[in-house]
């Protein structure tokens, strides 16, 4: 996406940006005055002179759902790693013993 922004910065044939030149919508591309990159959701946004905007088809439809799944997986992994670290720290504080405390120690810290 950022490559498309860089490609449209100057030179002959750079306006409108290539991602804004959707086949079949050439008339719409004539009114593009600016472009930007959207990170949530991922996309290349073409802004028109009348205040409207549209997202180009450069980002395939599967990219945003896959990105969301990967982000959720990363968060779940971080939470799981923190939980495992906490369990190890508590086991070490008990002197390496696993399981519940002996009967006489219930409720004491």
N, C-alpha and C. Protein backbone atom coordinates (compact mmCIF):
# COMPACT_ATOMS: atom_id res chain seq x y z
N UNK A 1 0.82 -1.18 0.00
CA UNK A 1 0.00 0.00 0.00
C UNK A 1 0.86 1.25 0.00
N UNK A 2 1.89 1.29 0.84
CA UNK A 2 2.72 2.48 0.87
C UNK A 2 3.50 2.60 -0.43
N UNK A 3 3.77 1.49 -1.09
CA UNK A 3 4.43 1.53 -2.38
C UNK A 3 3.56 2.25 -3.40
N UNK A 4 2.26 2.08 -3.32
CA UNK A 4 1.35 2.77 -4.24
C UNK A 4 1.36 4.26 -3.98
N UNK A 5 1.48 4.67 -2.73
CA UNK A 5 1.55 6.09 -2.40
C UNK A 5 2.84 6.67 -2.95
N UNK A 6 3.95 5.96 -2.78
CA UNK A 6 5.23 6.43 -3.28
C UNK A 6 5.23 6.51 -4.80
N UNK A 7 4.58 5.56 -5.45
CA UNK A 7 4.54 5.53 -6.91
C UNK A 7 3.77 6.72 -7.47
N UNK A 8 2.83 7.27 -6.71
CA UNK A 8 1.98 8.34 -7.21
C UNK A 8 2.51 9.73 -6.87
N UNK A 9 3.70 9.84 -6.36
CA UNK A 9 4.24 11.14 -5.98
C UNK A 9 5.09 11.75 -7.09
N UNK A 10 4.45 12.32 -8.06
CA UNK A 10 5.14 13.06 -9.11
C UNK A 10 5.40 12.24 -10.36
N UNK A 11 5.66 12.96 -11.42
CA UNK A 11 5.98 12.31 -12.67
C UNK A 11 4.76 12.16 -13.56
N UNK A 12 5.03 11.95 -14.84
CA UNK A 12 3.96 11.78 -15.81
C UNK A 12 3.21 10.49 -15.53
N UNK A 13 1.92 10.55 -15.58
CA UNK A 13 1.10 9.37 -15.38
C UNK A 13 0.91 8.97 -13.93
N UNK A 14 1.27 9.86 -13.00
CA UNK A 14 1.15 9.50 -11.59
C UNK A 14 -0.13 10.01 -10.96
N UNK A 15 -0.91 10.82 -11.70
CA UNK A 15 -2.15 11.33 -11.13
C UNK A 15 -3.31 10.93 -12.03
N UNK A 16 -4.32 10.33 -11.53
CA UNK A 16 -4.46 9.85 -10.16
C UNK A 16 -3.58 8.63 -9.92
N UNK A 17 -3.45 8.28 -8.67
CA UNK A 17 -2.61 7.14 -8.30
C UNK A 17 -3.11 5.89 -9.01
N UNK A 18 -2.19 5.02 -9.43
CA UNK A 18 -2.61 3.79 -10.13
C UNK A 18 -3.69 2.99 -9.41
N UNK A 19 -3.68 2.86 -8.08
CA UNK A 19 -4.77 2.10 -7.45
C UNK A 19 -6.14 2.75 -7.61
N UNK A 20 -6.18 4.06 -7.86
CA UNK A 20 -7.46 4.75 -8.03
C UNK A 20 -8.02 4.58 -9.44
N UNK A 21 -7.25 4.04 -10.33
CA UNK A 21 -7.69 3.84 -11.72
C UNK A 21 -8.34 2.46 -11.87
N UNK A 22 -9.53 2.33 -11.33
CA UNK A 22 -10.25 1.06 -11.38
C UNK A 22 -10.84 0.87 -12.78
N UNK A 23 -10.54 -0.25 -13.44
CA UNK A 23 -11.11 -0.50 -14.76
C UNK A 23 -12.64 -0.46 -14.71
N UNK A 24 -13.23 0.26 -15.65
CA UNK A 24 -14.67 0.40 -15.70
C UNK A 24 -15.17 1.65 -14.98
N UNK A 25 -14.30 2.29 -14.22
CA UNK A 25 -14.67 3.50 -13.47
C UNK A 25 -13.70 4.64 -13.81
N UNK A 26 -13.36 4.77 -15.08
CA UNK A 26 -12.39 5.78 -15.49
C UNK A 26 -12.88 7.20 -15.20
N UNK A 27 -14.19 7.42 -15.33
CA UNK A 27 -14.75 8.75 -15.07
C UNK A 27 -14.52 9.17 -13.61
N UNK A 28 -14.68 8.23 -12.70
CA UNK A 28 -14.48 8.50 -11.28
C UNK A 28 -13.01 8.88 -11.01
N UNK A 29 -12.09 8.23 -11.70
CA UNK A 29 -10.66 8.49 -11.49
C UNK A 29 -10.28 9.91 -11.92
N UNK A 30 -11.04 10.51 -12.83
CA UNK A 30 -10.73 11.87 -13.27
C UNK A 30 -10.94 12.90 -12.17
N UNK A 31 -11.73 12.57 -11.16
CA UNK A 31 -12.07 13.52 -10.10
C UNK A 31 -11.27 13.29 -8.82
N UNK A 32 -10.30 12.40 -8.85
CA UNK A 32 -9.48 12.12 -7.67
C UNK A 32 -8.51 13.27 -7.44
N UNK A 33 -8.52 13.80 -6.22
CA UNK A 33 -7.61 14.91 -5.90
C UNK A 33 -6.54 14.51 -4.88
N UNK A 34 -6.77 13.41 -4.15
CA UNK A 34 -5.79 12.98 -3.14
C UNK A 34 -6.00 11.52 -2.85
N UNK A 35 -5.03 10.93 -2.19
CA UNK A 35 -5.13 9.53 -1.77
C UNK A 35 -4.46 9.37 -0.43
N UNK A 36 -4.86 8.33 0.30
CA UNK A 36 -4.27 8.04 1.60
C UNK A 36 -4.35 6.55 1.85
N UNK A 37 -3.63 6.13 2.86
CA UNK A 37 -3.62 4.73 3.25
C UNK A 37 -4.40 4.60 4.55
N UNK A 38 -5.33 3.67 4.60
CA UNK A 38 -6.11 3.40 5.80
C UNK A 38 -5.54 2.13 6.44
N UNK A 39 -5.26 2.20 7.74
CA UNK A 39 -4.70 1.04 8.43
C UNK A 39 -5.75 0.22 9.17
N UNK A 40 -6.90 0.80 9.48
CA UNK A 40 -8.00 0.06 10.10
C UNK A 40 -9.29 0.44 9.40
N UNK A 41 -9.81 -0.33 8.53
CA UNK A 41 -9.27 -1.54 7.93
C UNK A 41 -8.20 -1.18 6.90
N UNK A 42 -7.39 -2.15 6.54
CA UNK A 42 -6.34 -1.93 5.56
C UNK A 42 -6.96 -1.58 4.22
N UNK A 43 -6.48 -0.51 3.60
CA UNK A 43 -7.01 -0.12 2.30
C UNK A 43 -6.31 1.11 1.76
N UNK A 44 -6.54 1.35 0.49
CA UNK A 44 -6.02 2.52 -0.20
C UNK A 44 -7.22 3.39 -0.54
N UNK A 45 -7.30 4.59 0.05
CA UNK A 45 -8.47 5.45 -0.09
C UNK A 45 -8.19 6.54 -1.11
N UNK A 46 -9.09 6.67 -2.08
CA UNK A 46 -9.00 7.72 -3.10
C UNK A 46 -10.04 8.78 -2.77
N UNK A 47 -9.60 10.04 -2.64
CA UNK A 47 -10.50 11.13 -2.28
C UNK A 47 -10.83 11.95 -3.52
N UNK A 48 -12.12 12.24 -3.70
CA UNK A 48 -12.57 12.95 -4.89
C UNK A 48 -12.80 14.42 -4.58
N UNK A 49 -12.90 15.23 -5.63
CA UNK A 49 -13.06 16.67 -5.49
C UNK A 49 -14.36 17.09 -4.84
N UNK A 50 -15.39 16.26 -4.89
CA UNK A 50 -16.68 16.63 -4.30
C UNK A 50 -16.78 16.23 -2.83
N UNK A 51 -15.67 15.85 -2.21
CA UNK A 51 -15.66 15.48 -0.80
C UNK A 51 -15.89 14.01 -0.54
N UNK A 52 -16.15 13.25 -1.57
CA UNK A 52 -16.35 11.80 -1.41
C UNK A 52 -15.03 11.05 -1.43
N UNK A 53 -15.13 9.79 -1.16
CA UNK A 53 -13.95 8.93 -1.20
C UNK A 53 -14.39 7.50 -1.50
N UNK A 54 -13.47 6.72 -2.00
CA UNK A 54 -13.72 5.31 -2.24
C UNK A 54 -12.44 4.53 -2.03
N UNK A 55 -12.59 3.28 -1.66
CA UNK A 55 -11.45 2.41 -1.41
C UNK A 55 -11.16 1.62 -2.68
N UNK A 56 -9.90 1.62 -3.09
CA UNK A 56 -9.54 0.88 -4.29
C UNK A 56 -9.55 -0.62 -4.01
N UNK A 57 -9.47 -1.39 -5.06
CA UNK A 57 -9.51 -2.85 -4.94
C UNK A 57 -8.11 -3.46 -4.81
N UNK A 58 -7.11 -2.65 -4.47
CA UNK A 58 -5.74 -3.17 -4.37
C UNK A 58 -5.53 -4.13 -3.22
N UNK A 59 -6.30 -3.98 -2.14
CA UNK A 59 -6.17 -4.87 -1.00
C UNK A 59 -7.22 -5.96 -1.15
N UNK A 60 -6.81 -7.22 -1.32
CA UNK A 60 -7.77 -8.31 -1.49
C UNK A 60 -8.70 -8.44 -0.28
N UNK A 61 -9.88 -8.97 -0.48
CA UNK A 61 -10.88 -9.07 0.56
C UNK A 61 -10.49 -9.94 1.74
N UNK A 62 -9.60 -10.90 1.54
CA UNK A 62 -9.22 -11.81 2.63
C UNK A 62 -8.16 -11.20 3.56
N UNK A 63 -7.54 -10.11 3.19
CA UNK A 63 -6.43 -9.57 3.98
C UNK A 63 -6.89 -9.05 5.35
N UNK A 64 -7.98 -8.30 5.41
CA UNK A 64 -8.43 -7.76 6.70
C UNK A 64 -8.87 -8.85 7.67
N UNK A 65 -9.67 -9.86 7.27
CA UNK A 65 -10.00 -10.93 8.22
C UNK A 65 -8.77 -11.71 8.69
N UNK A 66 -7.84 -11.99 7.79
CA UNK A 66 -6.63 -12.72 8.18
C UNK A 66 -5.80 -11.88 9.15
N UNK A 67 -5.72 -10.59 8.92
CA UNK A 67 -4.98 -9.70 9.82
C UNK A 67 -5.63 -9.69 11.21
N UNK A 68 -6.96 -9.66 11.25
CA UNK A 68 -7.66 -9.68 12.54
C UNK A 68 -7.41 -10.98 13.28
N UNK A 69 -7.45 -12.10 12.57
CA UNK A 69 -7.20 -13.40 13.21
C UNK A 69 -5.78 -13.47 13.75
N UNK A 70 -4.81 -12.99 12.98
CA UNK A 70 -3.42 -13.00 13.44
C UNK A 70 -3.23 -12.09 14.65
N UNK A 71 -3.90 -10.95 14.67
CA UNK A 71 -3.79 -10.04 15.82
C UNK A 71 -4.40 -10.69 17.07
N UNK A 72 -5.55 -11.33 16.92
CA UNK A 72 -6.16 -12.01 18.07
C UNK A 72 -5.30 -13.17 18.55
N UNK A 73 -4.67 -13.88 17.63
CA UNK A 73 -3.77 -14.96 18.00
C UNK A 73 -2.57 -14.43 18.78
N UNK A 74 -2.04 -13.30 18.35
CA UNK A 74 -0.90 -12.70 19.06
C UNK A 74 -1.31 -12.29 20.47
N UNK A 75 -2.49 -11.71 20.63
CA UNK A 75 -2.96 -11.30 21.96
C UNK A 75 -3.17 -12.53 22.84
N UNK A 76 -3.81 -13.58 22.30
CA UNK A 76 -4.03 -14.80 23.07
C UNK A 76 -2.71 -15.44 23.47
N UNK A 77 -1.72 -15.42 22.60
CA UNK A 77 -0.41 -15.98 22.91
C UNK A 77 0.27 -15.19 24.03
N UNK A 78 0.15 -13.88 23.97
CA UNK A 78 0.76 -13.05 25.02
C UNK A 78 0.08 -13.30 26.37
N UNK A 79 -1.24 -13.42 26.37
CA UNK A 79 -1.96 -13.70 27.62
C UNK A 79 -1.57 -15.08 28.15
N UNK A 80 -1.49 -16.07 27.26
CA UNK A 80 -1.09 -17.42 27.67
C UNK A 80 0.32 -17.46 28.22
N UNK A 81 1.21 -16.72 27.60
CA UNK A 81 2.59 -16.68 28.09
C UNK A 81 2.66 -16.02 29.47
N UNK A 82 1.89 -14.97 29.66
CA UNK A 82 1.85 -14.32 30.97
C UNK A 82 1.28 -15.23 32.03
N UNK A 83 0.26 -15.99 31.69
CA UNK A 83 -0.35 -16.93 32.63
C UNK A 83 0.64 -18.03 33.01
N UNK A 84 1.34 -18.57 32.02
CA UNK A 84 2.32 -19.62 32.30
C UNK A 84 3.46 -19.10 33.17
N UNK A 85 3.90 -17.89 32.92
CA UNK A 85 4.95 -17.28 33.73
C UNK A 85 4.49 -17.09 35.17
N UNK A 86 3.24 -16.65 35.34
CA UNK A 86 2.69 -16.47 36.68
C UNK A 86 2.61 -17.81 37.42
N UNK A 87 2.19 -18.86 36.73
CA UNK A 87 2.13 -20.18 37.37
C UNK A 87 3.52 -20.65 37.81
N UNK A 88 4.52 -20.43 36.95
CA UNK A 88 5.89 -20.82 37.31
C UNK A 88 6.40 -20.01 38.50
N UNK A 89 6.09 -18.72 38.53
CA UNK A 89 6.53 -17.87 39.64
C UNK A 89 5.87 -18.29 40.95
N UNK A 90 4.61 -18.65 40.90
CA UNK A 90 3.92 -19.10 42.12
C UNK A 90 4.48 -20.44 42.60
N UNK A 91 4.79 -21.34 41.66
CA UNK A 91 5.36 -22.63 42.03
C UNK A 91 6.74 -22.43 42.66
N UNK A 92 7.53 -21.52 42.13
CA UNK A 92 8.85 -21.24 42.68
C UNK A 92 8.74 -20.63 44.07
N UNK A 93 7.73 -19.80 44.29
CA UNK A 93 7.53 -19.17 45.60
C UNK A 93 7.13 -20.21 46.65
N UNK A 94 6.48 -21.29 46.23
CA UNK A 94 6.09 -22.35 47.15
C UNK A 94 7.23 -23.35 47.35
N UNK A 95 8.37 -23.06 46.79
CA UNK A 95 9.51 -23.95 46.94
C UNK A 95 9.54 -25.06 45.91
N UNK A 96 8.93 -24.82 44.77
CA UNK A 96 8.98 -25.79 43.69
C UNK A 96 7.93 -26.87 43.79
N UNK A 97 7.12 -26.86 44.84
CA UNK A 97 6.08 -27.88 44.96
C UNK A 97 4.91 -27.50 44.06
N UNK A 98 4.34 -28.48 43.46
CA UNK A 98 3.14 -28.26 42.69
C UNK A 98 1.94 -28.68 43.51
N UNK A 99 0.77 -28.31 43.08
CA UNK A 99 -0.45 -28.74 43.76
C UNK A 99 -0.84 -27.79 44.86
N UNK A 100 -1.92 -28.13 45.58
CA UNK A 100 -2.42 -27.25 46.63
C UNK A 100 -1.55 -27.29 47.87
N UNK A 101 -1.65 -26.31 48.77
CA UNK A 101 -0.86 -26.30 49.99
C UNK A 101 -1.30 -27.42 50.95
N UNK A 102 -0.46 -27.80 51.90
CA UNK A 102 -0.84 -28.84 52.85
C UNK A 102 -2.07 -28.43 53.65
N UNK A 103 -2.74 -29.41 54.30
CA UNK A 103 -4.00 -29.14 55.00
C UNK A 103 -3.88 -28.06 56.06
N UNK A 104 -2.83 -28.01 56.80
CA UNK A 104 -2.69 -27.05 57.88
C UNK A 104 -2.44 -25.64 57.41
N UNK A 105 -2.17 -25.42 56.12
CA UNK A 105 -1.81 -24.10 55.62
C UNK A 105 -2.91 -23.43 54.83
N UNK A 106 -4.08 -24.03 54.76
CA UNK A 106 -5.16 -23.47 53.95
C UNK A 106 -5.54 -22.09 54.48
N UNK A 107 -5.61 -21.13 53.62
CA UNK A 107 -6.05 -19.78 54.00
C UNK A 107 -4.91 -18.90 54.50
N UNK A 108 -3.69 -19.37 54.62
CA UNK A 108 -2.58 -18.52 55.05
C UNK A 108 -1.76 -18.12 53.85
N UNK A 109 -1.10 -17.00 53.98
CA UNK A 109 -0.27 -16.52 52.88
C UNK A 109 1.17 -16.49 53.32
